N, C-alpha and C. Protein backbone atom coordinates (compact mmCIF):
# COMPACT_ATOMS: atom_id res chain seq x y z
N MET A 1 60.16 108.07 83.45
CA MET A 1 60.56 109.06 82.38
C MET A 1 61.19 110.16 82.95
N VAL A 2 62.42 110.65 82.46
CA VAL A 2 63.23 111.61 83.03
C VAL A 2 62.67 112.97 82.52
N ASP A 3 62.63 113.90 83.40
CA ASP A 3 62.08 115.23 83.25
C ASP A 3 63.27 116.06 82.61
N PRO A 4 63.15 116.64 81.48
CA PRO A 4 64.12 117.38 80.90
C PRO A 4 64.54 118.60 81.60
N ALA A 5 63.48 119.07 82.34
CA ALA A 5 63.61 120.34 83.12
C ALA A 5 64.24 120.20 84.45
N ALA A 6 64.26 118.90 84.85
CA ALA A 6 64.68 118.67 86.17
C ALA A 6 66.28 119.01 86.24
N PRO A 7 66.84 119.43 87.38
CA PRO A 7 68.11 119.60 87.66
C PRO A 7 68.98 118.45 87.44
N PRO A 8 70.27 118.46 86.93
CA PRO A 8 71.02 117.21 86.92
C PRO A 8 71.32 116.60 88.23
N ALA A 9 71.42 115.36 88.30
CA ALA A 9 71.72 114.69 89.67
C ALA A 9 73.33 115.04 89.90
N LEU A 10 73.53 115.13 91.23
CA LEU A 10 74.77 115.62 91.83
C LEU A 10 75.44 114.45 92.39
N THR A 11 76.78 114.30 92.28
CA THR A 11 77.63 113.27 92.76
C THR A 11 78.37 113.87 93.90
N ALA A 12 78.59 113.08 95.06
CA ALA A 12 79.24 113.44 96.07
C ALA A 12 80.77 113.13 95.83
N VAL A 13 81.49 114.17 96.05
CA VAL A 13 83.01 114.01 95.73
C VAL A 13 83.87 114.63 96.86
N ARG A 14 85.18 114.33 96.91
CA ARG A 14 86.08 114.88 97.97
C ARG A 14 87.27 115.41 97.10
N LEU A 15 87.75 116.68 97.35
CA LEU A 15 89.04 117.08 96.84
C LEU A 15 90.10 117.38 97.98
N TYR A 16 91.30 117.00 97.72
CA TYR A 16 92.37 117.16 98.53
C TYR A 16 93.28 118.23 98.03
N THR A 17 93.63 119.27 98.83
CA THR A 17 94.68 120.26 98.60
C THR A 17 95.78 120.00 99.44
N GLU A 18 96.66 120.85 99.52
CA GLU A 18 97.79 120.95 100.53
C GLU A 18 97.25 121.16 101.94
N HIS A 19 96.18 121.96 102.15
CA HIS A 19 95.68 122.35 103.35
C HIS A 19 94.38 122.07 103.63
N TYR A 20 93.45 121.65 102.58
CA TYR A 20 92.16 121.33 102.92
C TYR A 20 91.63 120.04 102.33
N LEU A 21 90.70 119.46 103.04
CA LEU A 21 89.88 118.32 102.45
C LEU A 21 88.44 118.96 102.26
N VAL A 22 88.02 119.10 101.07
CA VAL A 22 86.76 119.77 100.61
C VAL A 22 85.85 118.56 100.17
N ARG A 23 84.73 118.56 100.75
CA ARG A 23 83.64 117.71 100.24
C ARG A 23 82.35 118.31 99.76
N GLY A 24 81.75 117.82 98.77
CA GLY A 24 80.66 118.47 98.19
C GLY A 24 80.07 117.70 97.20
N ARG A 25 79.07 118.22 96.28
CA ARG A 25 78.39 117.60 95.26
C ARG A 25 78.65 118.38 93.98
N ILE A 26 78.88 117.64 92.94
CA ILE A 26 79.04 118.29 91.56
C ILE A 26 78.13 117.45 90.47
N SER A 27 78.11 117.96 89.34
CA SER A 27 77.48 117.27 88.32
C SER A 27 78.65 116.46 87.56
N THR A 28 78.36 115.14 87.45
CA THR A 28 79.30 114.34 86.71
C THR A 28 78.69 113.43 85.73
N PRO A 29 78.07 114.03 84.62
CA PRO A 29 77.25 113.31 83.54
C PRO A 29 78.18 112.17 82.86
N HIS A 30 79.37 112.59 82.76
CA HIS A 30 80.33 111.58 81.97
C HIS A 30 81.49 111.08 82.86
N GLY A 31 81.29 111.26 84.10
CA GLY A 31 82.32 110.57 85.03
C GLY A 31 83.11 111.76 85.72
N LEU A 32 83.90 111.47 86.84
CA LEU A 32 84.53 112.41 87.54
C LEU A 32 85.70 112.97 86.67
N LEU A 33 86.42 112.11 86.07
CA LEU A 33 87.62 112.54 85.45
C LEU A 33 87.24 113.63 84.40
N GLU A 34 86.19 113.32 83.55
CA GLU A 34 85.66 114.42 82.57
C GLU A 34 85.34 115.59 83.18
N ALA A 35 84.61 115.45 84.23
CA ALA A 35 84.11 116.63 84.92
C ALA A 35 85.14 117.62 85.39
N LEU A 36 86.34 117.06 85.82
CA LEU A 36 87.37 117.80 86.25
C LEU A 36 88.16 118.34 85.18
N ASN A 37 88.37 117.46 84.14
CA ASN A 37 89.25 117.99 83.00
C ASN A 37 88.45 118.96 82.11
N ASP A 38 87.03 118.93 82.11
CA ASP A 38 86.35 119.86 81.22
C ASP A 38 85.92 121.19 82.02
N ALA A 39 86.24 121.16 83.30
CA ALA A 39 86.00 122.29 84.16
C ALA A 39 86.95 123.50 83.81
N GLY A 40 86.66 124.72 84.10
CA GLY A 40 87.56 125.90 84.05
C GLY A 40 88.59 125.81 85.11
N ASP A 41 89.13 126.94 85.55
CA ASP A 41 90.00 127.14 86.51
C ASP A 41 89.45 126.83 87.96
N GLU A 42 88.18 126.90 88.03
CA GLU A 42 87.58 126.72 89.41
C GLU A 42 86.44 125.62 89.20
N LEU A 43 86.12 125.09 90.35
CA LEU A 43 85.07 124.12 90.37
C LEU A 43 84.12 124.57 91.68
N VAL A 44 82.81 124.49 91.34
CA VAL A 44 81.93 124.83 92.47
C VAL A 44 81.24 123.61 92.90
N LEU A 45 81.48 123.33 94.31
CA LEU A 45 80.78 122.23 94.90
C LEU A 45 79.51 122.67 95.71
N GLU A 46 78.56 121.93 95.51
CA GLU A 46 77.28 122.25 96.43
C GLU A 46 77.21 121.55 97.56
N ASP A 47 76.68 122.13 98.63
CA ASP A 47 76.50 121.48 99.85
C ASP A 47 77.80 121.06 100.40
N ALA A 48 78.71 122.10 100.57
CA ALA A 48 80.22 121.94 100.70
C ALA A 48 80.50 121.84 102.36
N PHE A 49 81.41 120.91 102.64
CA PHE A 49 82.21 120.93 103.89
C PHE A 49 83.81 121.03 103.64
N PHE A 50 84.39 121.69 104.38
CA PHE A 50 85.68 121.94 104.27
C PHE A 50 86.56 121.93 105.46
N ASP A 51 87.59 121.04 105.58
CA ASP A 51 88.36 120.79 106.76
C ASP A 51 89.65 121.00 106.43
N GLU A 52 90.20 121.89 107.47
CA GLU A 52 91.63 122.33 107.30
C GLU A 52 92.57 121.39 108.16
N PHE A 53 93.62 120.88 107.47
CA PHE A 53 94.43 119.88 108.01
C PHE A 53 95.20 120.56 109.17
N ALA A 54 95.56 119.73 110.38
CA ALA A 54 96.21 120.33 111.37
C ALA A 54 95.65 121.51 112.05
N SER A 55 94.44 121.61 111.91
CA SER A 55 93.70 122.89 112.42
C SER A 55 92.70 122.45 113.65
N ARG A 56 92.53 123.20 114.56
CA ARG A 56 91.64 122.93 115.61
C ARG A 56 90.19 123.57 115.39
N GLU A 57 90.19 124.15 114.32
CA GLU A 57 88.77 124.75 113.92
C GLU A 57 87.83 123.58 113.58
N ILE A 58 86.64 123.89 113.75
CA ILE A 58 85.50 122.92 113.38
C ILE A 58 85.45 122.89 111.97
N VAL A 59 84.85 121.78 111.29
CA VAL A 59 84.66 121.63 109.90
C VAL A 59 83.68 122.64 109.39
N GLY A 60 84.11 123.60 108.39
CA GLY A 60 83.41 124.47 107.84
C GLY A 60 82.24 123.98 106.94
N GLN A 61 81.12 124.62 106.84
CA GLN A 61 80.04 124.20 106.04
C GLN A 61 79.49 125.25 105.45
N ALA A 62 79.04 125.11 104.06
CA ALA A 62 78.38 126.24 103.23
C ALA A 62 77.50 125.65 102.18
N PRO A 63 76.54 126.42 101.74
CA PRO A 63 75.82 125.80 100.62
C PRO A 63 76.56 125.48 99.30
N PHE A 64 77.55 126.33 99.04
CA PHE A 64 78.41 125.85 97.99
C PHE A 64 79.75 126.67 98.29
N ALA A 65 80.84 126.09 97.56
CA ALA A 65 82.11 126.49 97.63
C ALA A 65 82.83 126.37 96.38
N GLN A 66 83.79 127.30 96.21
CA GLN A 66 84.50 127.37 94.82
C GLN A 66 85.84 126.86 95.26
N VAL A 67 86.39 125.91 94.52
CA VAL A 67 87.69 125.38 94.70
C VAL A 67 88.58 125.63 93.54
N ASN A 68 89.78 126.21 93.65
CA ASN A 68 90.73 126.48 92.72
C ASN A 68 91.36 125.16 92.21
N LEU A 69 91.05 124.75 91.03
CA LEU A 69 91.46 123.33 90.67
C LEU A 69 93.07 123.30 90.43
N ALA A 70 93.81 124.38 90.29
CA ALA A 70 95.18 124.28 90.42
C ALA A 70 95.72 123.92 91.83
N MET A 71 95.01 124.14 92.78
CA MET A 71 95.44 123.74 94.16
C MET A 71 94.98 122.40 94.52
N ALA A 72 94.05 121.75 93.69
CA ALA A 72 93.40 120.43 94.04
C ALA A 72 94.46 119.42 93.46
N ILE A 73 94.93 118.54 94.37
CA ILE A 73 95.90 117.63 94.11
C ILE A 73 95.32 116.31 93.77
N LEU A 74 94.39 115.89 94.63
CA LEU A 74 93.59 114.57 94.48
C LEU A 74 92.12 114.88 94.52
N ALA A 75 91.39 113.96 93.76
CA ALA A 75 89.81 113.94 93.84
C ALA A 75 89.42 112.59 93.61
N ALA A 76 88.12 112.36 94.33
CA ALA A 76 87.61 110.97 94.29
C ALA A 76 86.15 111.11 94.60
N LEU A 77 85.36 110.03 94.12
CA LEU A 77 84.01 109.94 94.66
C LEU A 77 83.95 109.81 96.15
N ASP A 78 83.03 110.41 96.88
CA ASP A 78 83.16 110.37 98.32
C ASP A 78 82.63 109.17 98.96
N ASP A 79 81.95 108.23 98.27
CA ASP A 79 81.37 106.96 98.91
C ASP A 79 82.09 105.76 98.54
N GLU A 80 83.38 105.85 97.95
CA GLU A 80 84.09 104.70 97.46
C GLU A 80 85.51 104.51 98.39
N PHE A 81 85.55 104.98 99.66
CA PHE A 81 86.80 104.99 100.31
C PHE A 81 86.77 103.84 101.36
N GLU A 82 88.02 103.19 101.49
CA GLU A 82 88.25 102.09 102.61
C GLU A 82 89.54 102.43 103.34
N ASP A 83 89.52 102.27 104.53
CA ASP A 83 90.85 102.48 105.28
C ASP A 83 91.74 101.29 104.99
N GLY A 84 93.07 101.60 105.19
CA GLY A 84 94.07 100.49 105.16
C GLY A 84 94.77 100.56 103.91
N ALA A 85 95.83 99.77 103.75
CA ALA A 85 96.68 99.74 102.63
C ALA A 85 96.82 98.55 101.83
N GLU A 86 95.86 97.48 102.10
CA GLU A 86 95.99 96.36 101.38
C GLU A 86 95.41 96.48 100.09
N PRO A 87 96.01 96.33 98.93
CA PRO A 87 95.57 96.63 97.48
C PRO A 87 94.75 95.38 97.06
N ARG A 88 93.92 95.46 95.99
CA ARG A 88 93.34 94.30 95.51
C ARG A 88 94.37 93.51 94.79
N GLU A 89 94.20 92.22 94.53
CA GLU A 89 95.11 91.34 93.96
C GLU A 89 95.21 91.63 92.57
N ARG A 90 96.25 91.96 92.05
CA ARG A 90 96.35 92.34 90.60
C ARG A 90 97.86 92.60 90.24
N ALA A 91 98.29 92.02 89.25
CA ALA A 91 99.74 92.12 88.91
C ALA A 91 99.84 92.40 87.40
N SER A 92 100.29 93.52 87.10
CA SER A 92 100.55 93.85 85.65
C SER A 92 101.61 95.06 85.62
N GLY A 93 101.79 95.42 84.36
CA GLY A 93 102.95 96.31 84.13
C GLY A 93 102.53 97.77 84.20
N ASP A 94 101.04 97.95 84.61
CA ASP A 94 100.61 99.34 84.72
C ASP A 94 100.62 99.88 86.07
N GLN A 95 101.21 99.34 86.91
CA GLN A 95 101.23 99.79 88.33
C GLN A 95 102.16 101.07 88.46
N VAL A 96 101.68 102.11 89.07
CA VAL A 96 102.58 103.27 89.26
C VAL A 96 102.51 103.77 90.62
N MET A 97 103.71 104.50 90.88
CA MET A 97 103.73 105.27 92.20
C MET A 97 103.78 106.83 91.61
N ILE A 98 102.94 107.66 92.23
CA ILE A 98 102.94 109.09 91.93
C ILE A 98 103.12 109.85 93.21
N GLY A 99 104.25 110.57 93.18
CA GLY A 99 104.67 111.60 94.31
C GLY A 99 104.02 112.88 93.93
N ALA A 100 103.00 113.30 94.50
CA ALA A 100 102.37 114.58 94.47
C ALA A 100 102.41 115.22 95.82
N PRO A 101 103.43 115.83 96.23
CA PRO A 101 103.52 116.30 97.72
C PRO A 101 102.33 117.15 98.07
N PRO A 102 101.83 116.98 99.31
CA PRO A 102 102.31 116.06 100.29
C PRO A 102 101.71 114.62 100.28
N TYR A 103 101.34 114.23 99.09
CA TYR A 103 100.59 112.87 99.08
C TYR A 103 101.47 112.00 98.16
N ARG A 104 101.38 110.55 98.47
CA ARG A 104 101.79 109.66 97.70
C ARG A 104 100.69 108.75 97.29
N VAL A 105 100.72 108.39 96.01
CA VAL A 105 99.63 107.35 95.41
C VAL A 105 100.24 106.15 94.76
N THR A 106 99.59 105.08 94.91
CA THR A 106 100.02 103.86 94.13
C THR A 106 98.70 103.39 93.63
N GLY A 107 98.75 102.75 92.39
CA GLY A 107 97.68 102.13 91.75
C GLY A 107 97.89 101.80 90.47
N HIS A 108 96.90 101.87 89.51
CA HIS A 108 97.08 101.34 88.19
C HIS A 108 96.62 102.59 87.17
N VAL A 109 97.24 102.55 85.98
CA VAL A 109 96.72 103.49 85.08
C VAL A 109 96.56 102.69 83.81
N GLU A 110 95.53 103.24 82.98
CA GLU A 110 95.08 102.46 81.78
C GLU A 110 96.17 102.83 80.68
N LEU A 111 96.73 101.61 80.19
CA LEU A 111 97.75 101.83 79.08
C LEU A 111 97.16 102.20 77.75
N GLY A 112 95.92 101.81 77.56
CA GLY A 112 95.15 102.01 76.31
C GLY A 112 96.00 101.32 75.19
N ASN A 113 96.29 102.04 74.08
CA ASN A 113 97.07 101.35 72.84
C ASN A 113 98.54 101.61 73.13
N GLN A 114 99.09 102.05 74.29
CA GLN A 114 100.44 102.11 74.43
C GLN A 114 101.09 100.79 74.79
N ARG A 115 102.26 100.56 74.49
CA ARG A 115 102.84 99.20 74.85
C ARG A 115 103.30 99.07 76.26
N ASP A 116 103.65 100.20 76.88
CA ASP A 116 104.16 100.00 78.23
C ASP A 116 103.93 101.44 78.93
N LEU A 117 104.40 101.50 80.13
CA LEU A 117 104.09 102.71 81.01
C LEU A 117 105.13 103.85 80.42
N ARG A 118 106.38 103.54 79.98
CA ARG A 118 107.13 104.51 79.47
C ARG A 118 106.63 105.36 78.27
N GLN A 119 106.00 104.53 77.44
CA GLN A 119 105.33 105.10 76.26
C GLN A 119 104.10 105.90 76.64
N LEU A 120 103.35 105.40 77.66
CA LEU A 120 102.12 106.16 78.08
C LEU A 120 102.54 107.52 78.64
N LEU A 121 103.75 107.57 79.44
CA LEU A 121 103.98 108.89 80.09
C LEU A 121 104.43 109.94 79.11
N ASP A 122 104.97 109.46 77.95
CA ASP A 122 105.30 110.53 76.85
C ASP A 122 104.16 111.06 76.27
N ARG A 123 102.96 110.40 76.30
CA ARG A 123 101.80 110.83 75.69
C ARG A 123 100.53 111.19 76.62
N MET A 124 100.97 111.19 77.85
CA MET A 124 99.86 111.50 78.95
C MET A 124 99.44 112.84 78.93
N SER A 125 98.18 113.16 78.86
CA SER A 125 97.56 114.49 78.67
C SER A 125 96.32 114.64 79.57
N GLY A 126 96.06 115.91 79.69
CA GLY A 126 94.85 116.05 80.56
C GLY A 126 95.27 116.62 81.89
N ARG A 127 94.34 117.49 82.44
CA ARG A 127 94.84 118.12 83.78
C ARG A 127 94.93 117.11 84.88
N PHE A 128 93.97 116.17 84.88
CA PHE A 128 94.03 115.04 85.86
C PHE A 128 94.19 113.63 85.27
N ILE A 129 95.01 112.88 86.04
CA ILE A 129 95.22 111.48 85.65
C ILE A 129 94.40 110.53 86.46
N GLU A 130 93.96 109.55 85.81
CA GLU A 130 93.04 108.59 86.36
C GLU A 130 93.74 107.44 86.92
N VAL A 131 93.69 107.16 88.22
CA VAL A 131 94.57 106.01 88.84
C VAL A 131 93.37 105.07 89.38
N THR A 132 93.35 103.76 88.98
CA THR A 132 92.37 102.93 89.48
C THR A 132 92.91 101.95 90.61
N ASP A 133 92.04 101.45 91.48
CA ASP A 133 92.52 100.54 92.59
C ASP A 133 93.68 101.25 93.33
N ALA A 134 93.33 102.48 93.63
CA ALA A 134 94.44 103.49 94.32
C ALA A 134 94.37 103.44 95.70
N THR A 135 95.64 103.64 96.15
CA THR A 135 95.94 103.78 97.71
C THR A 135 96.70 105.00 97.77
N PHE A 136 96.28 105.89 98.63
CA PHE A 136 97.01 107.20 98.87
C PHE A 136 97.16 107.68 100.36
N TRP A 137 98.15 108.24 100.62
CA TRP A 137 98.29 108.81 102.15
C TRP A 137 99.28 109.93 102.11
N SER A 138 99.40 110.58 103.36
CA SER A 138 100.35 111.70 103.42
C SER A 138 100.99 111.65 104.85
N GLU A 139 102.17 111.35 105.06
CA GLU A 139 102.94 111.36 106.36
C GLU A 139 102.99 112.78 106.84
N ALA A 140 103.16 113.71 105.90
CA ALA A 140 103.38 115.08 106.33
C ALA A 140 102.03 115.64 106.98
N LEU A 141 100.92 115.18 106.42
CA LEU A 141 99.57 115.68 107.01
C LEU A 141 98.97 114.68 107.99
N ASN A 142 99.75 113.54 108.25
CA ASN A 142 99.27 112.51 109.17
C ASN A 142 97.98 111.92 108.51
N GLU A 143 97.90 111.80 107.37
CA GLU A 143 96.69 111.23 106.70
C GLU A 143 96.95 109.78 106.55
N PRO A 144 96.22 108.85 107.15
CA PRO A 144 96.45 107.37 106.96
C PRO A 144 96.05 106.94 105.53
N ARG A 145 96.55 105.76 105.22
CA ARG A 145 96.24 105.28 103.94
C ARG A 145 94.85 105.01 103.73
N LYS A 146 94.31 105.36 102.53
CA LYS A 146 93.04 105.01 102.20
C LYS A 146 93.05 104.49 100.75
N ARG A 147 91.99 103.54 100.43
CA ARG A 147 91.80 102.98 99.24
C ARG A 147 90.56 103.43 98.47
N THR A 148 90.62 103.63 97.18
CA THR A 148 89.38 103.90 96.48
C THR A 148 89.60 103.45 95.13
N SER A 149 88.48 103.09 94.45
CA SER A 149 88.49 102.46 93.10
C SER A 149 88.86 103.33 92.06
N LEU A 150 88.78 104.63 92.12
CA LEU A 150 89.14 105.59 91.17
C LEU A 150 89.53 106.81 91.87
N LEU A 151 90.94 107.46 91.53
CA LEU A 151 91.40 108.46 92.02
C LEU A 151 91.84 109.38 90.85
N ALA A 152 91.61 110.62 90.89
CA ALA A 152 92.14 111.49 90.04
C ALA A 152 93.24 112.43 90.49
N VAL A 153 94.38 112.40 89.86
CA VAL A 153 95.63 113.13 90.46
C VAL A 153 95.95 114.18 89.34
N ASN A 154 96.20 115.51 90.02
CA ASN A 154 96.40 116.57 89.27
C ASN A 154 97.97 116.38 88.69
N HIS A 155 97.94 116.29 87.29
CA HIS A 155 99.21 115.99 86.54
C HIS A 155 100.19 116.99 86.77
N ALA A 156 99.86 118.19 86.88
CA ALA A 156 100.79 119.41 87.17
C ALA A 156 101.34 119.46 88.51
N ARG A 157 100.65 118.71 89.49
CA ARG A 157 101.13 118.57 90.88
C ARG A 157 102.06 117.39 91.14
N ALA A 158 102.25 116.54 90.08
CA ALA A 158 103.10 115.28 90.26
C ALA A 158 104.37 115.65 90.17
N HIS A 159 105.28 115.29 91.16
CA HIS A 159 106.66 115.56 91.04
C HIS A 159 107.32 114.25 90.45
N VAL A 160 106.76 113.08 90.81
CA VAL A 160 107.40 111.86 90.30
C VAL A 160 106.15 110.86 89.81
N VAL A 161 106.40 110.27 88.68
CA VAL A 161 105.61 109.13 88.26
C VAL A 161 106.45 108.05 87.74
N ALA A 162 106.42 106.81 88.59
CA ALA A 162 107.45 105.85 88.41
C ALA A 162 106.71 104.40 88.44
N PRO A 163 107.34 103.44 87.71
CA PRO A 163 106.69 102.12 87.77
C PRO A 163 106.82 101.71 89.35
N PHE A 164 105.84 100.81 89.73
CA PHE A 164 105.69 100.31 91.04
C PHE A 164 105.33 98.95 91.24
N GLU A 165 105.94 98.19 92.27
CA GLU A 165 105.56 96.90 92.42
C GLU A 165 105.27 96.62 93.90
N GLU A 166 104.24 96.03 94.22
CA GLU A 166 103.88 95.65 95.56
C GLU A 166 104.65 94.47 96.05
N ARG A 167 105.53 94.62 97.00
CA ARG A 167 106.34 93.47 97.32
C ARG A 167 106.95 93.69 98.85
N ASP A 168 106.82 92.49 99.48
CA ASP A 168 107.55 92.58 100.97
C ASP A 168 108.83 92.26 100.76
N VAL A 169 109.85 93.22 101.01
CA VAL A 169 111.22 92.96 100.93
C VAL A 169 111.78 92.15 102.05
N TRP A 170 110.86 91.83 103.08
CA TRP A 170 111.52 91.16 104.26
C TRP A 170 110.78 89.88 104.32
N ALA A 171 109.93 89.42 103.35
CA ALA A 171 109.38 88.20 103.28
C ALA A 171 110.33 86.94 103.53
N GLY A 172 110.11 86.05 104.38
CA GLY A 172 111.06 84.86 104.60
C GLY A 172 112.18 85.11 105.41
N VAL A 173 112.36 86.42 106.07
CA VAL A 173 113.39 86.60 106.83
C VAL A 173 112.95 86.74 108.32
N ASP A 174 113.66 85.83 109.22
CA ASP A 174 113.36 85.71 110.56
C ASP A 174 113.98 86.84 111.34
N ASP A 175 113.67 86.95 112.65
CA ASP A 175 114.33 88.02 113.53
C ASP A 175 115.67 87.93 113.67
N ALA A 176 116.09 86.68 113.86
CA ALA A 176 117.59 86.20 114.06
C ALA A 176 118.34 86.62 112.92
N THR A 177 117.85 86.39 111.71
CA THR A 177 118.59 86.90 110.43
C THR A 177 118.69 88.30 110.45
N LEU A 178 117.71 89.02 110.92
CA LEU A 178 117.66 90.44 110.55
C LEU A 178 118.73 91.15 111.44
N ARG A 179 119.06 90.38 112.54
CA ARG A 179 120.08 91.06 113.52
C ARG A 179 121.48 90.89 113.04
N ARG A 180 121.76 90.08 112.02
CA ARG A 180 123.12 90.16 111.41
C ARG A 180 123.16 90.42 109.89
N PRO A 181 123.97 91.23 109.47
CA PRO A 181 124.08 91.47 108.12
C PRO A 181 124.91 90.47 107.29
N ASP A 182 124.21 89.21 107.10
CA ASP A 182 124.70 88.28 106.28
C ASP A 182 124.51 88.23 104.83
N ALA A 183 124.78 87.21 104.05
CA ALA A 183 124.54 87.13 102.56
C ALA A 183 123.19 87.35 102.15
N SER A 184 122.37 86.55 103.10
CA SER A 184 120.91 86.59 102.68
C SER A 184 120.30 87.90 102.63
N ILE A 185 120.68 88.89 103.61
CA ILE A 185 120.21 90.15 103.74
C ILE A 185 120.68 90.82 102.39
N LEU A 186 121.98 90.60 102.10
CA LEU A 186 122.41 91.47 100.91
C LEU A 186 121.85 91.01 99.65
N GLU A 187 121.30 89.71 99.63
CA GLU A 187 120.66 89.25 98.39
C GLU A 187 119.29 89.92 98.25
N ILE A 188 118.63 90.09 99.49
CA ILE A 188 117.33 90.70 99.33
C ILE A 188 117.38 92.24 98.95
N ALA A 189 118.47 92.90 99.52
CA ALA A 189 118.68 94.22 99.20
C ALA A 189 119.00 94.46 97.61
N GLU A 190 119.87 93.41 97.11
CA GLU A 190 120.14 93.51 95.70
C GLU A 190 119.03 93.22 94.81
N SER A 191 118.14 92.24 95.24
CA SER A 191 116.88 92.06 94.49
C SER A 191 116.02 93.11 94.31
N ALA A 192 115.97 94.07 95.34
CA ALA A 192 115.23 95.24 95.27
C ALA A 192 115.64 96.29 94.32
N GLN A 193 117.03 96.19 94.02
CA GLN A 193 117.49 97.25 93.07
C GLN A 193 117.06 96.93 91.54
N ALA A 194 115.94 96.75 91.42
CA ALA A 194 115.50 96.32 89.91
C ALA A 194 114.90 97.38 89.12
N GLY A 195 115.13 98.69 89.60
CA GLY A 195 114.52 99.87 88.89
C GLY A 195 113.08 100.00 89.05
N VAL A 196 112.48 99.51 90.15
CA VAL A 196 111.16 99.75 90.48
C VAL A 196 110.96 100.05 91.94
N TRP A 197 109.98 100.88 92.23
CA TRP A 197 109.69 101.15 93.57
C TRP A 197 108.97 100.10 94.24
N VAL A 198 109.40 99.55 95.52
CA VAL A 198 108.72 98.45 96.16
C VAL A 198 108.24 98.98 97.54
N MET A 199 107.21 98.25 97.99
CA MET A 199 106.57 98.67 99.33
C MET A 199 107.07 97.67 100.37
N ASP A 200 107.75 98.32 101.32
CA ASP A 200 108.18 97.46 102.50
C ASP A 200 106.88 97.53 103.44
N SER A 201 106.23 96.30 103.57
CA SER A 201 104.89 96.17 104.21
C SER A 201 105.08 96.44 105.84
N ASP A 202 106.42 96.12 106.27
CA ASP A 202 106.47 96.36 107.67
C ASP A 202 106.59 97.79 108.05
N VAL A 203 107.46 98.52 107.30
CA VAL A 203 107.74 99.87 107.57
C VAL A 203 106.55 100.70 107.09
N GLY A 204 105.80 100.35 106.02
CA GLY A 204 104.76 100.92 105.56
C GLY A 204 105.05 102.21 104.65
N SER A 205 106.30 102.38 104.15
CA SER A 205 106.59 103.44 103.28
C SER A 205 107.32 102.97 101.92
N LEU A 206 107.39 103.62 100.94
CA LEU A 206 108.09 103.48 99.88
C LEU A 206 109.51 103.55 99.85
N ALA A 207 110.20 102.56 99.40
CA ALA A 207 111.63 102.66 99.55
C ALA A 207 112.20 101.85 98.42
N ARG A 208 113.36 102.33 97.80
CA ARG A 208 113.99 101.77 96.74
C ARG A 208 115.18 100.81 97.13
N GLY A 209 114.75 99.61 97.55
CA GLY A 209 115.76 98.65 97.96
C GLY A 209 116.47 98.85 99.18
N GLU A 210 115.95 99.55 100.12
CA GLU A 210 116.47 99.80 101.52
C GLU A 210 116.56 98.57 102.20
N SER A 211 117.59 98.37 103.02
CA SER A 211 117.59 97.17 103.87
C SER A 211 117.72 97.68 105.22
């Protein structure tokens, strides 16, 4: 039996800003996204650790820390991270790329009763957007790719939201072919110009039909 006088259970989370990774614990009775969207301008994390990117300072630690949510670009549960860029096998029209500098995010959004992503974008609301099966990284901060089942992205910090398709644009092309700009290379480049962002698995960055 749950003691109604007992303090609420806290969930370990991490928040990414332009300059800091902040880790701590917050109350999430209805989930991470609701906790972020229902909070005020600041969020207090208990048992906080904060690490400044590109700094030689040791990781800071405090019994609690207040984070300005306007500065928080990404948020996720702290225990659901995997290194690497290989996404789960899933093909659908709800895949997106979100450019929220200095981070890039790929994953899936819930279309709900909207017919497609274009309609969803017109009706998207809330401070944070939920992206599932998400991969994110930052070349500027030298942050490697990480995967998490759920990532909250600050909508106001998103510069670009676009359809995304995971595809290797060099699949089936051998080294000899790559050394000469023949018709097969042109066909690959033309096929990538389909109005979606594609992932070059060799280069490891987003490109729109670059050859």
